[in-house]
PDB file of N, CA and C in Angstrom:
ATOM      1  N   UNK A   1      16.832  11.139 -26.067  1.00  0.00           N
ATOM      2  CA  UNK A   1      17.293   9.834 -25.529  1.00  0.00           C
ATOM      3  C   UNK A   1      16.075   8.653 -25.155  1.00  0.00           C
ATOM      4  N   UNK A   2      15.241   9.461 -24.453  1.00  0.00           N
ATOM      5  CA  UNK A   2      13.870   8.304 -24.185  1.00  0.00           C
ATOM      6  C   UNK A   2      13.517   7.538 -25.011  1.00  0.00           C
ATOM      7  N   UNK A   3      13.267   8.650 -26.236  1.00  0.00           N
ATOM      8  CA  UNK A   3      12.531   8.305 -27.453  1.00  0.00           C
ATOM      9  C   UNK A   3      13.251   7.062 -27.988  1.00  0.00           C
ATOM     10  N   UNK A   4      14.435   7.195 -27.727  1.00  0.00           N
ATOM     11  CA  UNK A   4      15.070   6.206 -28.603  1.00  0.00           C
ATOM     12  C   UNK A   4      15.236   5.006 -27.997  1.00  0.00           C
ATOM     13  N   UNK A   5      15.414   5.066 -26.636  1.00  0.00           N
ATOM     14  CA  UNK A   5      14.958   3.682 -25.701  1.00  0.00           C
ATOM     15  C   UNK A   5      13.739   3.062 -26.320  1.00  0.00           C
ATOM     16  N   UNK A   6      12.768   4.039 -26.094  1.00  0.00           N
ATOM     17  CA  UNK A   6      11.300   3.252 -26.473  1.00  0.00           C
ATOM     18  C   UNK A   6      11.226   2.399 -27.581  1.00  0.00           C
ATOM     19  N   UNK A   7      11.890   3.307 -28.810  1.00  0.00           N
ATOM     20  CA  UNK A   7      12.331   2.669 -30.005  1.00  0.00           C
ATOM     21  C   UNK A   7      12.600   1.048 -30.065  1.00  0.00           C
ATOM     22  N   UNK A   8      13.790   1.161 -29.163  1.00  0.00           N
ATOM     23  CA  UNK A   8      14.254   0.113 -29.142  1.00  0.00           C
ATOM     24  C   UNK A   8      13.670  -1.009 -28.358  1.00  0.00           C
ATOM     25  N   UNK A   9      13.005  -0.461 -27.661  1.00  0.00           N
ATOM     26  CA  UNK A   9      12.004  -1.586 -26.733  1.00  0.00           C
ATOM     27  C   UNK A   9      10.963  -2.083 -27.450  1.00  0.00           C
ATOM     28  N   UNK A  10      10.383  -1.040 -28.452  1.00  0.00           N
ATOM     29  CA  UNK A  10       9.314  -1.709 -29.529  1.00  0.00           C
ATOM     30  C   UNK A  10       9.684  -2.852 -29.934  1.00  0.00           C
ATOM     31  N   UNK A  11      11.467  -2.428 -31.396  1.00  0.00           N
ATOM     32  CA  UNK A  11      11.953  -3.064 -32.121  1.00  0.00           C
ATOM     33  C   UNK A  11      12.250  -4.515 -31.345  1.00  0.00           C
ATOM     34  N   UNK A  12      12.760  -4.502 -30.090  1.00  0.00           N
ATOM     35  CA  UNK A  12      12.918  -5.831 -29.380  1.00  0.00           C
ATOM     36  C   UNK A  12      11.793  -7.045 -29.053  1.00  0.00           C
ATOM     37  N   UNK A  13      10.675  -6.318 -28.836  1.00  0.00           N
ATOM     38  CA  UNK A  13       9.288  -6.518 -28.719  1.00  0.00           C
ATOM     39  C   UNK A  13       8.965  -7.364 -30.176  1.00  0.00           C
ATOM     40  N   UNK A  14       8.758  -6.273 -30.898  1.00  0.00           N
ATOM     41  CA  UNK A  14       8.335  -7.009 -32.148  1.00  0.00           C
ATOM     42  C   UNK A  14       9.142  -8.381 -32.787  1.00  0.00           C
ATOM     43  N   UNK A  15      10.537  -8.162 -32.290  1.00  0.00           N
ATOM     44  CA  UNK A  15      11.679  -9.309 -32.911  1.00  0.00           C
ATOM     45  C   UNK A  15      10.964 -10.663 -32.217  1.00  0.00           C
ATOM     46  N   UNK A  16      10.950 -10.423 -30.857  1.00  0.00           N
ATOM     47  CA  UNK A  16      10.498 -11.349 -30.094  1.00  0.00           C
ATOM     48  C   UNK A  16       9.136 -12.223 -30.560  1.00  0.00           C
ATOM     49  N   UNK A  17       8.369 -11.376 -30.727  1.00  0.00           N
ATOM     50  CA  UNK A  17       7.070 -11.754 -31.558  1.00  0.00           C
ATOM     51  C   UNK A  17       6.818 -12.440 -32.551  1.00  0.00           C
ATOM     52  N   UNK A  18       8.158 -12.059 -33.516  1.00  0.00           N
ATOM     53  CA  UNK A  18       8.016 -12.669 -35.160  1.00  0.00           C
ATOM     54  C   UNK A  18       9.113 -14.091 -34.599  1.00  0.00           C
ATOM     55  N   UNK A  19      10.042 -13.959 -33.846  1.00  0.00           N
ATOM     56  CA  UNK A  19      10.753 -15.241 -33.228  1.00  0.00           C
ATOM     57  C   UNK A  19       9.586 -16.388 -32.738  1.00  0.00           C
ATOM     58  N   UNK A  20       8.480 -15.951 -32.095  1.00  0.00           N
ATOM     59  CA  UNK A  20       7.801 -16.593 -31.424  1.00  0.00           C
ATOM     60  C   UNK A  20       6.600 -17.385 -32.476  1.00  0.00           C
ATOM     61  N   UNK A  21       6.308 -16.447 -33.482  1.00  0.00           N
ATOM     62  CA  UNK A  21       5.463 -16.657 -34.440  1.00  0.00           C
ATOM     63  C   UNK A  21       6.152 -18.029 -35.226  1.00  0.00           C
ATOM     64  N   UNK A  22       7.567 -17.760 -36.103  1.00  0.00           N
ATOM     65  CA  UNK A  22       8.127 -18.700 -36.659  1.00  0.00           C
ATOM     66  C   UNK A  22       8.144 -19.885 -36.076  1.00  0.00           C
ATOM     67  N   UNK A  23       8.515 -20.180 -34.457  1.00  0.00           N
ATOM     68  CA  UNK A  23       8.613 -21.055 -33.855  1.00  0.00           C
ATOM     69  C   UNK A  23       7.317 -21.964 -33.824  1.00  0.00           C
ATOM     70  N   UNK A  24       6.332 -21.218 -33.528  1.00  0.00           N
ATOM     71  CA  UNK A  24       4.597 -21.813 -33.684  1.00  0.00           C
ATOM     72  C   UNK A  24       4.522 -22.409 -34.969  1.00  0.00           C
ATOM     73  N   UNK A  25       4.688 -21.667 -36.052  1.00  0.00           N
ATOM     74  CA  UNK A  25       4.614 -21.959 -37.419  1.00  0.00           C
ATOM     75  C   UNK A  25       5.073 -23.790 -37.531  1.00  0.00           C
ATOM     76  N   UNK A  26       6.897 -23.446 -37.105  1.00  0.00           N
ATOM     77  CA  UNK A  26       7.244 -24.576 -37.208  1.00  0.00           C
ATOM     78  C   UNK A  26       7.108 -25.784 -36.444  1.00  0.00           C
ATOM     79  N   UNK A  27       6.331 -25.525 -35.491  1.00  0.00           N
ATOM     80  CA  UNK A  27       6.341 -26.869 -34.653  1.00  0.00           C
ATOM     81  C   UNK A  27       4.683 -27.268 -34.961  1.00  0.00           C
ATOM     82  N   UNK A  28       3.801 -26.194 -35.013  1.00  0.00           N
ATOM     83  CA  UNK A  28       2.464 -26.745 -35.003  1.00  0.00           C
ATOM     84  C   UNK A  28       1.721 -26.303 -36.540  1.00  0.00           C
ATOM     85  N   UNK A  29       2.516 -25.778 -37.421  1.00  0.00           N
ATOM     86  CA  UNK A  29       1.859 -25.771 -38.572  1.00  0.00           C
ATOM     87  C   UNK A  29       1.601 -24.409 -38.999  1.00  0.00           C
ATOM     88  N   UNK A  30       0.753 -24.196 -39.977  1.00  0.00           N
ATOM     89  CA  UNK A  30       0.072 -23.043 -40.649  1.00  0.00           C
ATOM     90  C   UNK A  30      -1.132 -22.368 -39.642  1.00  0.00           C
ATOM     91  N   UNK A  31      -1.810 -23.412 -39.439  1.00  0.00           N
ATOM     92  CA  UNK A  31      -3.505 -23.181 -38.862  1.00  0.00           C
ATOM     93  C   UNK A  31      -3.470 -22.424 -37.568  1.00  0.00           C
ATOM     94  N   UNK A  32      -2.682 -22.717 -36.734  1.00  0.00           N
ATOM     95  CA  UNK A  32      -2.391 -22.190 -35.229  1.00  0.00           C
ATOM     96  C   UNK A  32      -1.795 -20.655 -35.590  1.00  0.00           C
ATOM     97  N   UNK A  33      -1.298 -20.551 -36.517  1.00  0.00           N
ATOM     98  CA  UNK A  33      -0.564 -19.078 -36.926  1.00  0.00           C
ATOM     99  C   UNK A  33      -1.799 -18.130 -37.268  1.00  0.00           C
ATOM    100  N   UNK A  34      -2.509 -18.965 -37.891  1.00  0.00           N
ATOM    101  CA  UNK A  34      -3.593 -18.005 -38.715  1.00  0.00           C
ATOM    102  C   UNK A  34      -4.563 -17.819 -37.949  1.00  0.00           C
ATOM    103  N   UNK A  35      -5.155 -18.829 -36.792  1.00  0.00           N
ATOM    104  CA  UNK A  35      -6.167 -18.589 -35.584  1.00  0.00           C
ATOM    105  C   UNK A  35      -5.821 -17.141 -35.064  1.00  0.00           C
ATOM    106  N   UNK A  36      -4.163 -17.397 -34.488  1.00  0.00           N
ATOM    107  CA  UNK A  36      -3.838 -16.655 -33.765  1.00  0.00           C
ATOM    108  C   UNK A  36      -3.725 -15.121 -33.711  1.00  0.00           C
ATOM    109  N   UNK A  37      -3.611 -14.871 -35.395  1.00  0.00           N
ATOM    110  CA  UNK A  37      -3.351 -13.652 -36.006  1.00  0.00           C
ATOM    111  C   UNK A  37      -4.958 -13.100 -36.200  1.00  0.00           C
ATOM    112  N   UNK A  38      -5.961 -14.092 -36.431  1.00  0.00           N
ATOM    113  CA  UNK A  38      -7.556 -13.706 -36.504  1.00  0.00           C
ATOM    114  C   UNK A  38      -7.707 -13.167 -34.976  1.00  0.00           C
ATOM    115  N   UNK A  39      -7.434 -14.153 -33.863  1.00  0.00           N
ATOM    116  CA  UNK A  39      -7.825 -13.782 -32.730  1.00  0.00           C
ATOM    117  C   UNK A  39      -7.223 -12.298 -32.126  1.00  0.00           C
ATOM    118  N   UNK A  40      -5.868 -11.993 -32.616  1.00  0.00           N
ATOM    119  CA  UNK A  40      -5.172 -10.925 -32.331  1.00  0.00           C
ATOM    120  C   UNK A  40      -5.975  -9.618 -32.628  1.00  0.00           C
ATOM    121  N   UNK A  41      -5.980  -9.907 -34.163  1.00  0.00           N
ATOM    122  CA  UNK A  41      -6.239  -8.560 -35.020  1.00  0.00           C
ATOM    123  C   UNK A  41      -7.960  -8.464 -35.526  1.00  0.00           C
TER     124      UNK A  41
END
């Protein structure tokens, strides 16, 4: 049960991150996302 909950939480977080990225791309264009990815990874 706990494992399932953790998995769900992780999935939700990933979804949120994806949504944020999409919004960033839509608002400020490709460069911001590119820099963000390089900074994080």
